[in-house]
C-alpha cells in the first residue's frame, strides 16, 4: 500500500490511518491510481469464495459516474485477484449539499435499471451538521439554539469540568459507552477497536499529515459523567463517538463536552466541525430524534450526502445477497425491535 498517495485525500477514510484500523478488523486494503488520484479499496470475505469491496468517500476531487464505478470495480477484481461479487461506493465528499430537508442529490440519482443500485443500508452517515469555525465564540454562541446555550452555561455553573484524557483512560470511557449502547439500543465495537482508533492516530500538532484523535471526559465531583472521541484532520474536526452515564444527566455534560471540542478544533486550525450523523429530517417519530435536536442545537448547516451505491460485479450472486440483506434489515428494524420492546 502506497501511504504517501493516500495522504492527499481530504477524508480521513482515505488515509493510511483508516486502512490500518480496518486491516486489524479483517479488511484487506488496496490502493489504486488510475490516473485521477489514488483511492482506497477495502475488501472483506463474507463467505468462502465471495468477497465484498468498499470505497469509503473515495475521489473527493473528481466525479464518479455509474459507468466509471462499474468499470473500476471489475478492473479491481482482476487486479486484486479477490473473489469480488460487489463493490460498495460511498459517494465522495464533493456530493455534499445543504438544504432544509433531506434527500438525494439529483446528479447522483442513477434511476431504475441503472448499473448502480442504491444500497439497502448506509455505512457512513449520509446526514450531518457542519459547523463553521471561522468565527469567534460570540458568533458561535449566537448561532446556537437558546436551549443549547443555556445547557452549556448550566453545566459550567454546576461545576462540570471537561478535560483531554490520556489514551489509557479509554476503559472508563468504554464502560460508559456500554451503558449508552444499552440505553439507546445501538450496536458498538469492542473496546479493542476504539483503543486501536485512538492509538493509530497522530499527535494533534501533526493532524495535517495524519488524523489525530482526542478523548474528552466530563466529570463532576469525582464522577465520570460523559466522554467523546473527536478526530482532527487537516482543516476538519469530526465528532466520532459519544458516551454518557445514566446519573447526573441533568447537569448537561454532553453540551459542555461539545463546546470544549468545538473551541479546541478552532484553536488548532480547523475551519469546520462535523457532528457526523443525524436523522435525515426533523421527524419527532424517528427513534433518534433526540440526537437530531441535540446536534442541530449547536447551529451550522444541515448536510445531506447521497449515500452508498452498489456496483455489482457478479449480478446473479449480488441479487441473492441483496435479498438476504433486505431480510436482515427487516429483522433488525422490525422483528428484533418488536421483541426487544416486549422484553423491556
C-alpha atoms as a PDB file:
ATOM      1  CA  UNK A   1       0.000   0.000   0.000  1.00  0.00           C
ATOM      2  CA  UNK A   2       1.385   3.410  -1.016  1.00  0.00           C
ATOM      3  CA  UNK A   3       0.873   5.547   2.083  1.00  0.00           C
ATOM      4  CA  UNK A   4       2.187   8.748   0.534  1.00  0.00           C
ATOM      5  CA  UNK A   5      -0.519   8.885  -2.121  1.00  0.00           C
ATOM      6  CA  UNK A   6      -3.342   8.242   0.276  1.00  0.00           C
ATOM      7  CA  UNK A   7      -2.499  11.219   2.430  1.00  0.00           C
ATOM      8  CA  UNK A   8      -3.586  13.505  -0.439  1.00  0.00           C
ATOM      9  CA  UNK A   9      -7.262  12.855   0.302  1.00  0.00           C
ATOM     10  CA  UNK A  10      -9.416  15.313   2.233  1.00  0.00           C
ATOM     11  CA  UNK A  11     -11.263  12.483   4.005  1.00  0.00           C
ATOM     12  CA  UNK A  12      -9.788  10.556   6.926  1.00  0.00           C
ATOM     13  CA  UNK A  13     -11.488   7.475   5.461  1.00  0.00           C
ATOM     14  CA  UNK A  14      -8.998   7.635   2.577  1.00  0.00           C
ATOM     15  CA  UNK A  15      -5.813   7.666   4.649  1.00  0.00           C
ATOM     16  CA  UNK A  16      -3.277   5.042   5.812  1.00  0.00           C
ATOM     17  CA  UNK A  17      -4.699   5.634   9.309  1.00  0.00           C
ATOM     18  CA  UNK A  18      -8.094   4.212   8.320  1.00  0.00           C
ATOM     19  CA  UNK A  19      -6.553   1.438   6.238  1.00  0.00           C
ATOM     20  CA  UNK A  20      -4.608   0.287   9.317  1.00  0.00           C
ATOM     21  CA  UNK A  21      -7.658   0.443  11.585  1.00  0.00           C
ATOM     22  CA  UNK A  22      -9.784  -1.604   9.171  1.00  0.00           C
ATOM     23  CA  UNK A  23      -6.971  -4.063   8.373  1.00  0.00           C
ATOM     24  CA  UNK A  24      -6.901  -5.031  12.043  1.00  0.00           C
ATOM     25  CA  UNK A  25     -10.642  -5.749  11.754  1.00  0.00           C
ATOM     26  CA  UNK A  26     -10.199  -8.241   8.922  1.00  0.00           C
ATOM     27  CA  UNK A  27     -10.420  -5.923   5.896  1.00  0.00           C
ATOM     28  CA  UNK A  28      -7.741  -6.074   3.193  1.00  0.00           C
ATOM     29  CA  UNK A  29      -6.696  -2.592   1.962  1.00  0.00           C
ATOM     30  CA  UNK A  30      -5.716  -1.870  -1.639  1.00  0.00           C
ATOM     31  CA  UNK A  31      -4.686   1.442  -3.172  1.00  0.00           C
ATOM     32  CA  UNK A  32      -5.214   2.172  -6.860  1.00  0.00           C
ATOM     33  CA  UNK A  33      -4.325   5.144  -9.011  1.00  0.00           C
ATOM     34  CA  UNK A  34      -5.984   5.017 -12.404  1.00  0.00           C
ATOM     35  CA  UNK A  35      -4.654   8.420 -13.392  1.00  0.00           C
ATOM     36  CA  UNK A  36      -7.156  10.533 -11.435  1.00  0.00           C
ATOM     37  CA  UNK A  37      -5.707  10.326  -7.943  1.00  0.00           C
ATOM     38  CA  UNK A  38      -5.325   7.442  -5.503  1.00  0.00           C
ATOM     39  CA  UNK A  39      -8.284   5.689  -3.923  1.00  0.00           C
ATOM     40  CA  UNK A  40      -8.514   3.191  -1.074  1.00  0.00           C
ATOM     41  CA  UNK A  41     -10.497  -0.009  -1.620  1.00  0.00           C
ATOM     42  CA  UNK A  42     -11.272  -2.208   1.401  1.00  0.00           C
ATOM     43  CA  UNK A  43     -12.068  -5.874   0.776  1.00  0.00           C
ATOM     44  CA  UNK A  44     -13.542  -8.441   3.120  1.00  0.00           C
ATOM     45  CA  UNK A  45     -14.518 -12.085   2.672  1.00  0.00           C
ATOM     46  CA  UNK A  46     -18.159 -12.764   3.510  1.00  0.00           C
ATOM     47  CA  UNK A  47     -18.252 -16.435   2.613  1.00  0.00           C
ATOM     48  CA  UNK A  48     -15.761 -18.836   1.113  1.00  0.00           C
ATOM     49  CA  UNK A  49     -15.121 -17.695  -2.441  1.00  0.00           C
ATOM     50  CA  UNK A  50     -17.138 -14.498  -2.080  1.00  0.00           C
ATOM     51  CA  UNK A  51     -15.848 -11.068  -1.079  1.00  0.00           C
ATOM     52  CA  UNK A  52     -17.265  -7.556  -0.936  1.00  0.00           C
ATOM     53  CA  UNK A  53     -15.356  -4.343  -1.619  1.00  0.00           C
ATOM     54  CA  UNK A  54     -15.964  -0.917  -0.121  1.00  0.00           C
ATOM     55  CA  UNK A  55     -14.769   2.526  -1.245  1.00  0.00           C
ATOM     56  CA  UNK A  56     -15.250   4.988   1.654  1.00  0.00           C
ATOM     57  CA  UNK A  57     -15.583   8.567   0.336  1.00  0.00           C
ATOM     58  CA  UNK A  58     -13.128   7.933  -2.468  1.00  0.00           C
ATOM     59  CA  UNK A  59     -12.058  10.504  -5.038  1.00  0.00           C
ATOM     60  CA  UNK A  60     -13.193  13.670  -3.384  1.00  0.00           C
ATOM     61  CA  UNK A  61     -11.501  15.663  -6.167  1.00  0.00           C
ATOM     62  CA  UNK A  62     -13.014  14.092  -9.306  1.00  0.00           C
ATOM     63  CA  UNK A  63     -16.520  12.929 -10.280  1.00  0.00           C
ATOM     64  CA  UNK A  64     -17.738   9.341 -10.030  1.00  0.00           C
ATOM     65  CA  UNK A  65     -20.289   8.189 -12.591  1.00  0.00           C
ATOM     66  CA  UNK A  66     -22.211   4.927 -12.638  1.00  0.00           C
ATOM     67  CA  UNK A  67     -20.227   3.710 -15.619  1.00  0.00           C
ATOM     68  CA  UNK A  68     -16.888   4.550 -14.001  1.00  0.00           C
ATOM     69  CA  UNK A  69     -17.793   2.783 -10.749  1.00  0.00           C
ATOM     70  CA  UNK A  70     -18.814  -0.395 -12.584  1.00  0.00           C
ATOM     71  CA  UNK A  71     -15.738  -0.335 -14.851  1.00  0.00           C
ATOM     72  CA  UNK A  72     -13.312   0.187 -11.974  1.00  0.00           C
ATOM     73  CA  UNK A  73     -14.985  -2.408  -9.766  1.00  0.00           C
ATOM     74  CA  UNK A  74     -14.490  -5.022 -12.489  1.00  0.00           C
ATOM     75  CA  UNK A  75     -10.937  -3.870 -13.155  1.00  0.00           C
ATOM     76  CA  UNK A  76     -10.018  -4.052  -9.465  1.00  0.00           C
ATOM     77  CA  UNK A  77     -11.448  -7.548  -9.207  1.00  0.00           C
ATOM     78  CA  UNK A  78      -8.894  -8.626 -11.825  1.00  0.00           C
ATOM     79  CA  UNK A  79      -6.016  -6.640 -10.326  1.00  0.00           C
ATOM     80  CA  UNK A  80      -6.508  -7.896  -6.770  1.00  0.00           C
ATOM     81  CA  UNK A  81      -7.439 -11.475  -7.618  1.00  0.00           C
ATOM     82  CA  UNK A  82     -10.106 -11.172  -4.918  1.00  0.00           C
ATOM     83  CA  UNK A  83     -13.401 -13.057  -5.434  1.00  0.00           C
ATOM     84  CA  UNK A  84     -15.374  -9.798  -5.523  1.00  0.00           C
ATOM     85  CA  UNK A  85     -19.055 -10.004  -6.397  1.00  0.00           C
ATOM     86  CA  UNK A  86     -19.835  -6.448  -5.263  1.00  0.00           C
ATOM     87  CA  UNK A  87     -18.132  -3.115  -4.586  1.00  0.00           C
ATOM     88  CA  UNK A  88     -19.967  -0.600  -2.421  1.00  0.00           C
ATOM     89  CA  UNK A  89     -19.282   3.052  -3.209  1.00  0.00           C
ATOM     90  CA  UNK A  90     -19.889   5.676  -0.552  1.00  0.00           C
ATOM     91  CA  UNK A  91     -20.222   8.734  -2.738  1.00  0.00           C
ATOM     92  CA  UNK A  92     -17.371  11.179  -2.072  1.00  0.00           C
ATOM     93  CA  UNK A  93     -17.372  14.433  -0.184  1.00  0.00           C
ATOM     94  CA  UNK A  94     -17.911  16.644  -3.208  1.00  0.00           C
ATOM     95  CA  UNK A  95     -21.516  15.385  -3.387  1.00  0.00           C
ATOM     96  CA  UNK A  96     -22.257  17.267  -0.158  1.00  0.00           C
ATOM     97  CA  UNK A  97     -25.002  19.861  -0.414  1.00  0.00           C
ATOM     98  CA  UNK A  98     -27.104  21.784   2.084  1.00  0.00           C
ATOM     99  CA  UNK A  99     -30.833  22.322   2.259  1.00  0.00           C
ATOM    100  CA  UNK A 100     -33.512  22.282   4.909  1.00  0.00           C
ATOM    101  CA  UNK A 101     -34.871  18.809   4.296  1.00  0.00           C
ATOM    102  CA  UNK A 102     -33.202  15.503   3.440  1.00  0.00           C
ATOM    103  CA  UNK A 103     -32.959  13.928   0.035  1.00  0.00           C
ATOM    104  CA  UNK A 104     -30.628  12.667  -2.653  1.00  0.00           C
ATOM    105  CA  UNK A 105     -28.606  14.950  -4.884  1.00  0.00           C
ATOM    106  CA  UNK A 106     -30.318  14.583  -8.294  1.00  0.00           C
ATOM    107  CA  UNK A 107     -26.932  14.450 -10.009  1.00  0.00           C
ATOM    108  CA  UNK A 108     -26.315  11.118  -8.336  1.00  0.00           C
ATOM    109  CA  UNK A 109     -29.743   9.544  -8.629  1.00  0.00           C
ATOM    110  CA  UNK A 110     -28.942   6.962 -11.299  1.00  0.00           C
ATOM    111  CA  UNK A 111     -32.519   5.784 -11.688  1.00  0.00           C
ATOM    112  CA  UNK A 112     -34.185   2.388 -12.023  1.00  0.00           C
ATOM    113  CA  UNK A 113     -32.307  -0.052 -14.194  1.00  0.00           C
ATOM    114  CA  UNK A 114     -29.006   1.826 -13.957  1.00  0.00           C
ATOM    115  CA  UNK A 115     -25.871  -0.312 -13.387  1.00  0.00           C
ATOM    116  CA  UNK A 116     -25.522   1.104  -9.886  1.00  0.00           C
ATOM    117  CA  UNK A 117     -28.117   0.218  -7.262  1.00  0.00           C
ATOM    118  CA  UNK A 118     -28.893   2.260  -4.164  1.00  0.00           C
ATOM    119  CA  UNK A 119     -27.621   0.152  -1.270  1.00  0.00           C
ATOM    120  CA  UNK A 120     -30.085  -1.354   1.169  1.00  0.00           C
ATOM    121  CA  UNK A 121     -28.264   0.203   4.133  1.00  0.00           C
ATOM    122  CA  UNK A 122     -25.919   3.104   4.826  1.00  0.00           C
ATOM    123  CA  UNK A 123     -22.339   2.621   6.010  1.00  0.00           C
ATOM    124  CA  UNK A 124     -21.146   6.170   6.690  1.00  0.00           C
ATOM    125  CA  UNK A 125     -23.829   8.547   7.986  1.00  0.00           C
ATOM    126  CA  UNK A 126     -25.235  10.445   4.974  1.00  0.00           C
ATOM    127  CA  UNK A 127     -26.777  13.271   7.007  1.00  0.00           C
ATOM    128  CA  UNK A 128     -24.909  15.521   9.382  1.00  0.00           C
ATOM    129  CA  UNK A 129     -24.450  19.011  10.805  1.00  0.00           C
ATOM    130  CA  UNK A 130     -21.471  21.105   9.679  1.00  0.00           C
ATOM    131  CA  UNK A 131     -20.414  23.967  11.917  1.00  0.00           C
ATOM    132  CA  UNK A 132     -18.334  26.854  10.539  1.00  0.00           C
ATOM    133  CA  UNK A 133     -15.395  27.539  12.864  1.00  0.00           C
ATOM    134  CA  UNK A 134     -14.019  30.597  11.122  1.00  0.00           C
ATOM    135  CA  UNK A 135     -15.841  32.854  13.584  1.00  0.00           C
ATOM    136  CA  UNK A 136     -15.356  33.750  17.257  1.00  0.00           C
ATOM    137  CA  UNK A 137     -17.071  32.479  20.405  1.00  0.00           C
ATOM    138  CA  UNK A 138     -19.753  35.151  20.308  1.00  0.00           C
ATOM    139  CA  UNK A 139     -20.777  34.291  16.738  1.00  0.00           C
ATOM    140  CA  UNK A 140     -20.763  30.566  17.501  1.00  0.00           C
ATOM    141  CA  UNK A 141     -22.993  31.058  20.531  1.00  0.00           C
ATOM    142  CA  UNK A 142     -25.360  33.368  18.654  1.00  0.00           C
ATOM    143  CA  UNK A 143     -25.926  30.645  16.061  1.00  0.00           C
ATOM    144  CA  UNK A 144     -26.991  28.101  18.689  1.00  0.00           C
ATOM    145  CA  UNK A 145     -30.478  27.334  19.890  1.00  0.00           C
ATOM    146  CA  UNK A 146     -31.184  29.199  23.119  1.00  0.00           C
ATOM    147  CA  UNK A 147     -31.658  25.898  24.999  1.00  0.00           C
ATOM    148  CA  UNK A 148     -28.219  24.706  23.865  1.00  0.00           C
ATOM    149  CA  UNK A 149     -26.576  27.899  25.131  1.00  0.00           C
ATOM    150  CA  UNK A 150     -28.460  27.575  28.404  1.00  0.00           C
ATOM    151  CA  UNK A 151     -27.329  23.955  28.847  1.00  0.00           C
ATOM    152  CA  UNK A 152     -23.672  24.847  28.226  1.00  0.00           C
ATOM    153  CA  UNK A 153     -23.796  27.583  30.856  1.00  0.00           C
ATOM    154  CA  UNK A 154     -25.766  25.410  33.260  1.00  0.00           C
ATOM    155  CA  UNK A 155     -23.127  22.671  33.075  1.00  0.00           C
ATOM    156  CA  UNK A 156     -20.391  25.239  33.734  1.00  0.00           C
ATOM    157  CA  UNK A 157     -22.232  26.775  36.693  1.00  0.00           C
ATOM    158  CA  UNK A 158     -22.969  23.315  38.102  1.00  0.00           C
ATOM    159  CA  UNK A 159     -19.274  22.533  38.325  1.00  0.00           C
ATOM    160  CA  UNK A 160     -18.951  20.113  35.435  1.00  0.00           C
ATOM    161  CA  UNK A 161     -15.365  20.048  34.151  1.00  0.00           C
ATOM    162  CA  UNK A 162     -14.024  18.828  30.805  1.00  0.00           C
ATOM    163  CA  UNK A 163     -10.505  17.655  30.095  1.00  0.00           C
ATOM    164  CA  UNK A 164      -8.495  15.884  27.405  1.00  0.00           C
ATOM    165  CA  UNK A 165      -7.812  12.410  28.759  1.00  0.00           C
ATOM    166  CA  UNK A 166      -4.910  10.037  28.183  1.00  0.00           C
ATOM    167  CA  UNK A 167      -5.476   7.015  25.958  1.00  0.00           C
ATOM    168  CA  UNK A 168      -5.124   4.692  28.942  1.00  0.00           C
ATOM    169  CA  UNK A 169      -8.372   6.146  30.340  1.00  0.00           C
ATOM    170  CA  UNK A 170     -10.328   4.605  27.476  1.00  0.00           C
ATOM    171  CA  UNK A 171     -11.526   1.696  29.638  1.00  0.00           C
ATOM    172  CA  UNK A 172     -13.503   4.056  31.867  1.00  0.00           C
ATOM    173  CA  UNK A 173     -14.998   5.731  28.778  1.00  0.00           C
ATOM    174  CA  UNK A 174     -15.891   2.371  27.275  1.00  0.00           C
ATOM    175  CA  UNK A 175     -17.830   1.402  30.402  1.00  0.00           C
ATOM    176  CA  UNK A 176     -19.963   4.489  29.789  1.00  0.00           C
ATOM    177  CA  UNK A 177     -20.271   3.578  26.116  1.00  0.00           C
ATOM    178  CA  UNK A 178     -21.713   0.190  27.036  1.00  0.00           C
ATOM    179  CA  UNK A 179     -24.240   1.947  29.255  1.00  0.00           C
ATOM    180  CA  UNK A 180     -25.106   4.255  26.351  1.00  0.00           C
ATOM    181  CA  UNK A 181     -25.473   1.339  23.940  1.00  0.00           C
ATOM    182  CA  UNK A 182     -27.841  -0.454  26.286  1.00  0.00           C
ATOM    183  CA  UNK A 183     -29.887   2.683  26.943  1.00  0.00           C
ATOM    184  CA  UNK A 184     -30.145   3.801  23.308  1.00  0.00           C
ATOM    185  CA  UNK A 185     -30.228   0.294  21.785  1.00  0.00           C
ATOM    186  CA  UNK A 186     -27.251   0.812  19.478  1.00  0.00           C
ATOM    187  CA  UNK A 187     -24.531  -1.592  18.330  1.00  0.00           C
ATOM    188  CA  UNK A 188     -20.926  -0.872  19.292  1.00  0.00           C
ATOM    189  CA  UNK A 189     -17.488  -2.374  18.657  1.00  0.00           C
ATOM    190  CA  UNK A 190     -15.206  -3.969  21.217  1.00  0.00           C
ATOM    191  CA  UNK A 191     -13.029  -1.852  23.478  1.00  0.00           C
ATOM    192  CA  UNK A 192     -10.013  -3.026  21.484  1.00  0.00           C
ATOM    193  CA  UNK A 193     -11.427  -1.386  18.366  1.00  0.00           C
ATOM    194  CA  UNK A 194     -11.715   2.088  19.932  1.00  0.00           C
ATOM    195  CA  UNK A 195      -8.297   1.702  21.536  1.00  0.00           C
ATOM    196  CA  UNK A 196      -6.856   0.931  18.110  1.00  0.00           C
ATOM    197  CA  UNK A 197      -8.528   4.012  16.645  1.00  0.00           C
ATOM    198  CA  UNK A 198      -7.042   6.225  19.375  1.00  0.00           C
ATOM    199  CA  UNK A 199      -3.567   4.735  19.287  1.00  0.00           C
ATOM    200  CA  UNK A 200      -3.282   4.722  15.487  1.00  0.00           C
ATOM    201  CA  UNK A 201      -3.849   8.489  15.390  1.00  0.00           C
ATOM    202  CA  UNK A 202      -1.118  11.112  15.463  1.00  0.00           C
ATOM    203  CA  UNK A 203      -0.386  13.893  17.987  1.00  0.00           C
ATOM    204  CA  UNK A 204      -2.626  16.912  17.449  1.00  0.00           C
ATOM    205  CA  UNK A 205       0.234  19.018  16.044  1.00  0.00           C
ATOM    206  CA  UNK A 206       0.600  16.527  13.158  1.00  0.00           C
ATOM    207  CA  UNK A 207      -3.079  16.480  12.201  1.00  0.00           C
ATOM    208  CA  UNK A 208      -2.403  17.813   8.685  1.00  0.00           C
ATOM    209  CA  UNK A 209      -0.280  14.782   7.896  1.00  0.00           C
ATOM    210  CA  UNK A 210      -2.254  12.100   9.710  1.00  0.00           C
ATOM    211  CA  UNK A 211      -5.568  12.142  11.627  1.00  0.00           C
ATOM    212  CA  UNK A 212      -5.246  12.925  15.325  1.00  0.00           C
ATOM    213  CA  UNK A 213      -7.678  11.684  17.983  1.00  0.00           C
ATOM    214  CA  UNK A 214      -8.622  13.141  21.351  1.00  0.00           C
ATOM    215  CA  UNK A 215     -10.615  11.587  24.162  1.00  0.00           C
ATOM    216  CA  UNK A 216     -12.577  14.192  26.151  1.00  0.00           C
ATOM    217  CA  UNK A 217     -14.064  13.374  29.544  1.00  0.00           C
ATOM    218  CA  UNK A 218     -16.646  15.341  31.544  1.00  0.00           C
ATOM    219  CA  UNK A 219     -16.633  14.960  35.343  1.00  0.00           C
ATOM    220  CA  UNK A 220     -18.407  16.294  38.385  1.00  0.00           C
ATOM    221  CA  UNK A 221     -17.195  15.899  41.959  1.00  0.00           C
ATOM    222  CA  UNK A 222     -15.175  12.817  41.061  1.00  0.00           C
ATOM    223  CA  UNK A 223     -17.908  11.177  38.964  1.00  0.00           C
ATOM    224  CA  UNK A 224     -17.298  10.443  35.291  1.00  0.00           C
ATOM    225  CA  UNK A 225     -20.439  11.647  33.507  1.00  0.00           C
ATOM    226  CA  UNK A 226     -19.704  11.549  29.771  1.00  0.00           C
ATOM    227  CA  UNK A 227     -16.985  11.348  27.150  1.00  0.00           C
ATOM    228  CA  UNK A 228     -16.465  11.864  23.433  1.00  0.00           C
ATOM    229  CA  UNK A 229     -13.835  10.918  20.862  1.00  0.00           C
ATOM    230  CA  UNK A 230     -13.065  13.604  18.287  1.00  0.00           C
ATOM    231  CA  UNK A 231     -10.903  13.226  15.176  1.00  0.00           C
ATOM    232  CA  UNK A 232      -8.865  16.131  13.783  1.00  0.00           C
ATOM    233  CA  UNK A 233      -7.604  16.004  10.209  1.00  0.00           C
ATOM    234  CA  UNK A 234      -6.368  18.903   8.112  1.00  0.00           C
ATOM    235  CA  UNK A 235      -8.982  21.667   8.447  1.00  0.00           C
ATOM    236  CA  UNK A 236     -11.762  19.454   9.843  1.00  0.00           C
ATOM    237  CA  UNK A 237     -12.752  18.103  13.234  1.00  0.00           C
ATOM    238  CA  UNK A 238     -15.177  15.181  13.364  1.00  0.00           C
ATOM    239  CA  UNK A 239     -17.164  14.012  16.389  1.00  0.00           C
ATOM    240  CA  UNK A 240     -16.957  10.228  16.079  1.00  0.00           C
ATOM    241  CA  UNK A 241     -18.224   8.617  19.295  1.00  0.00           C
ATOM    242  CA  UNK A 242     -20.057   9.753  22.418  1.00  0.00           C
ATOM    243  CA  UNK A 243     -20.922   8.076  25.712  1.00  0.00           C
ATOM    244  CA  UNK A 244     -22.789   9.202  28.814  1.00  0.00           C
ATOM    245  CA  UNK A 245     -23.760   7.894  32.224  1.00  0.00           C
ATOM    246  CA  UNK A 246     -27.288   7.382  33.483  1.00  0.00           C
ATOM    247  CA  UNK A 247     -26.502   9.516  36.535  1.00  0.00           C
ATOM    248  CA  UNK A 248     -26.408  13.320  36.771  1.00  0.00           C
ATOM    249  CA  UNK A 249     -27.647  13.682  33.216  1.00  0.00           C
ATOM    250  CA  UNK A 250     -29.494  16.783  34.385  1.00  0.00           C
ATOM    251  CA  UNK A 251     -26.101  18.545  34.614  1.00  0.00           C
ATOM    252  CA  UNK A 252     -25.887  18.557  30.788  1.00  0.00           C
ATOM    253  CA  UNK A 253     -22.265  17.346  30.456  1.00  0.00           C
ATOM    254  CA  UNK A 254     -22.687  16.411  26.784  1.00  0.00           C
ATOM    255  CA  UNK A 255     -23.232  20.056  25.836  1.00  0.00           C
ATOM    256  CA  UNK A 256     -20.107  21.248  27.610  1.00  0.00           C
ATOM    257  CA  UNK A 257     -18.060  18.444  26.022  1.00  0.00           C
ATOM    258  CA  UNK A 258     -19.042  19.545  22.542  1.00  0.00           C
ATOM    259  CA  UNK A 259     -18.425  23.200  23.321  1.00  0.00           C
ATOM    260  CA  UNK A 260     -14.896  22.416  24.521  1.00  0.00           C
ATOM    261  CA  UNK A 261     -14.136  20.244  21.480  1.00  0.00           C
ATOM    262  CA  UNK A 262     -15.507  22.904  19.113  1.00  0.00           C
ATOM    263  CA  UNK A 263     -13.287  25.620  20.572  1.00  0.00           C
ATOM    264  CA  UNK A 264     -10.237  23.320  20.624  1.00  0.00           C
ATOM    265  CA  UNK A 265     -10.831  22.454  16.964  1.00  0.00           C
ATOM    266  CA  UNK A 266     -10.933  26.108  16.015  1.00  0.00           C
ATOM    267  CA  UNK A 267      -7.826  26.897  18.090  1.00  0.00           C
ATOM    268  CA  UNK A 268      -5.791  24.187  16.359  1.00  0.00           C
ATOM    269  CA  UNK A 269      -6.621  25.493  12.880  1.00  0.00           C
ATOM    270  CA  UNK A 270      -9.788  23.620  11.917  1.00  0.00           C
ATOM    271  CA  UNK A 271     -12.316  25.604   9.877  1.00  0.00           C
ATOM    272  CA  UNK A 272     -15.226  23.197  10.320  1.00  0.00           C
ATOM    273  CA  UNK A 273     -16.708  20.789  12.880  1.00  0.00           C
ATOM    274  CA  UNK A 274     -18.637  17.754  11.630  1.00  0.00           C
ATOM    275  CA  UNK A 275     -21.165  16.254  14.070  1.00  0.00           C
ATOM    276  CA  UNK A 276     -21.108  13.121  11.874  1.00  0.00           C
ATOM    277  CA  UNK A 277     -24.590  11.715  11.785  1.00  0.00           C
ATOM    278  CA  UNK A 278     -28.190  12.797  12.346  1.00  0.00           C
ATOM    279  CA  UNK A 279     -31.596  11.547  11.166  1.00  0.00           C
ATOM    280  CA  UNK A 280     -32.389  12.901   7.688  1.00  0.00           C
ATOM    281  CA  UNK A 281     -35.252  15.157   8.811  1.00  0.00           C
ATOM    282  CA  UNK A 282     -36.703  16.751  11.934  1.00  0.00           C
ATOM    283  CA  UNK A 283     -39.139  13.895  12.496  1.00  0.00           C
ATOM    284  CA  UNK A 284     -40.379  13.516  16.113  1.00  0.00           C
ATOM    285  CA  UNK A 285     -41.271   9.878  15.375  1.00  0.00           C
ATOM    286  CA  UNK A 286     -37.720   8.948  14.418  1.00  0.00           C
ATOM    287  CA  UNK A 287     -36.084   6.791  17.130  1.00  0.00           C
ATOM    288  CA  UNK A 288     -33.012   9.072  17.084  1.00  0.00           C
ATOM    289  CA  UNK A 289     -34.909  12.355  17.089  1.00  0.00           C
ATOM    290  CA  UNK A 290     -33.226  13.352  20.348  1.00  0.00           C
ATOM    291  CA  UNK A 291     -29.874  13.132  18.581  1.00  0.00           C
ATOM    292  CA  UNK A 292     -31.196  15.388  15.816  1.00  0.00           C
ATOM    293  CA  UNK A 293     -32.282  18.042  18.314  1.00  0.00           C
ATOM    294  CA  UNK A 294     -29.011  17.820  20.256  1.00  0.00           C
ATOM    295  CA  UNK A 295     -26.697  18.241  17.267  1.00  0.00           C
ATOM    296  CA  UNK A 296     -28.732  20.787  15.330  1.00  0.00           C
ATOM    297  CA  UNK A 297     -28.991  22.831  18.510  1.00  0.00           C
ATOM    298  CA  UNK A 298     -25.380  23.924  18.009  1.00  0.00           C
ATOM    299  CA  UNK A 299     -26.304  25.671  14.757  1.00  0.00           C
ATOM    300  CA  UNK A 300     -24.491  25.081  11.492  1.00  0.00           C
ATOM    301  CA  UNK A 301     -25.596  23.770   8.106  1.00  0.00           C
ATOM    302  CA  UNK A 302     -27.561  20.586   7.511  1.00  0.00           C
ATOM    303  CA  UNK A 303     -25.634  18.367   5.118  1.00  0.00           C
ATOM    304  CA  UNK A 304     -27.172  15.535   3.092  1.00  0.00           C
ATOM    305  CA  UNK A 305     -24.979  13.134   1.141  1.00  0.00           C
ATOM    306  CA  UNK A 306     -26.221  10.721  -1.468  1.00  0.00           C
ATOM    307  CA  UNK A 307     -25.137   7.654   0.479  1.00  0.00           C
ATOM    308  CA  UNK A 308     -23.979   4.220  -0.687  1.00  0.00           C
ATOM    309  CA  UNK A 309     -24.409   2.693  -4.134  1.00  0.00           C
ATOM    310  CA  UNK A 310     -23.735  -0.934  -5.055  1.00  0.00           C
ATOM    311  CA  UNK A 311     -21.686  -1.803  -8.131  1.00  0.00           C
ATOM    312  CA  UNK A 312     -22.429  -5.493  -8.818  1.00  0.00           C
ATOM    313  CA  UNK A 313     -19.510  -7.413 -10.297  1.00  0.00           C
ATOM    314  CA  UNK A 314     -21.352 -10.754 -10.356  1.00  0.00           C
ATOM    315  CA  UNK A 315     -25.023  -9.797 -10.860  1.00  0.00           C
ATOM    316  CA  UNK A 316     -26.558 -13.201 -10.044  1.00  0.00           C
ATOM    317  CA  UNK A 317     -24.686 -13.544  -6.741  1.00  0.00           C
ATOM    318  CA  UNK A 318     -25.462  -9.899  -5.982  1.00  0.00           C
ATOM    319  CA  UNK A 319     -29.212 -10.424  -6.372  1.00  0.00           C
ATOM    320  CA  UNK A 320     -29.125 -13.214  -3.781  1.00  0.00           C
ATOM    321  CA  UNK A 321     -27.016 -11.060  -1.455  1.00  0.00           C
ATOM    322  CA  UNK A 322     -29.354  -8.079  -1.785  1.00  0.00           C
ATOM    323  CA  UNK A 323     -32.354 -10.248  -0.991  1.00  0.00           C
ATOM    324  CA  UNK A 324     -30.587 -11.539   2.155  1.00  0.00           C
ATOM    325  CA  UNK A 325     -29.502  -8.004   3.078  1.00  0.00           C
ATOM    326  CA  UNK A 326     -33.088  -6.762   2.894  1.00  0.00           C
ATOM    327  CA  UNK A 327     -34.291  -9.652   5.058  1.00  0.00           C
ATOM    328  CA  UNK A 328     -31.596  -8.839   7.598  1.00  0.00           C
ATOM    329  CA  UNK A 329     -32.728  -5.211   7.618  1.00  0.00           C
ATOM    330  CA  UNK A 330     -36.323  -6.250   8.200  1.00  0.00           C
ATOM    331  CA  UNK A 331     -35.211  -8.470  11.065  1.00  0.00           C
ATOM    332  CA  UNK A 332     -33.286  -5.706  12.843  1.00  0.00           C
ATOM    333  CA  UNK A 333     -35.764  -2.913  12.152  1.00  0.00           C
ATOM    334  CA  UNK A 334     -38.967  -4.768  12.901  1.00  0.00           C
ATOM    335  CA  UNK A 335     -38.708  -8.245  14.434  1.00  0.00           C
ATOM    336  CA  UNK A 336     -35.797  -7.657  16.820  1.00  0.00           C
ATOM    337  CA  UNK A 337     -37.105  -4.205  17.761  1.00  0.00           C
ATOM    338  CA  UNK A 338     -40.523  -5.693  18.496  1.00  0.00           C
ATOM    339  CA  UNK A 339     -39.184  -8.491  20.695  1.00  0.00           C
ATOM    340  CA  UNK A 340     -36.828  -6.063  22.452  1.00  0.00           C
ATOM    341  CA  UNK A 341     -39.725  -3.739  23.265  1.00  0.00           C
ATOM    342  CA  UNK A 342     -41.790  -6.657  24.525  1.00  0.00           C
ATOM    343  CA  UNK A 343     -38.966  -7.681  26.873  1.00  0.00           C
ATOM    344  CA  UNK A 344     -38.092  -4.185  28.132  1.00  0.00           C
END
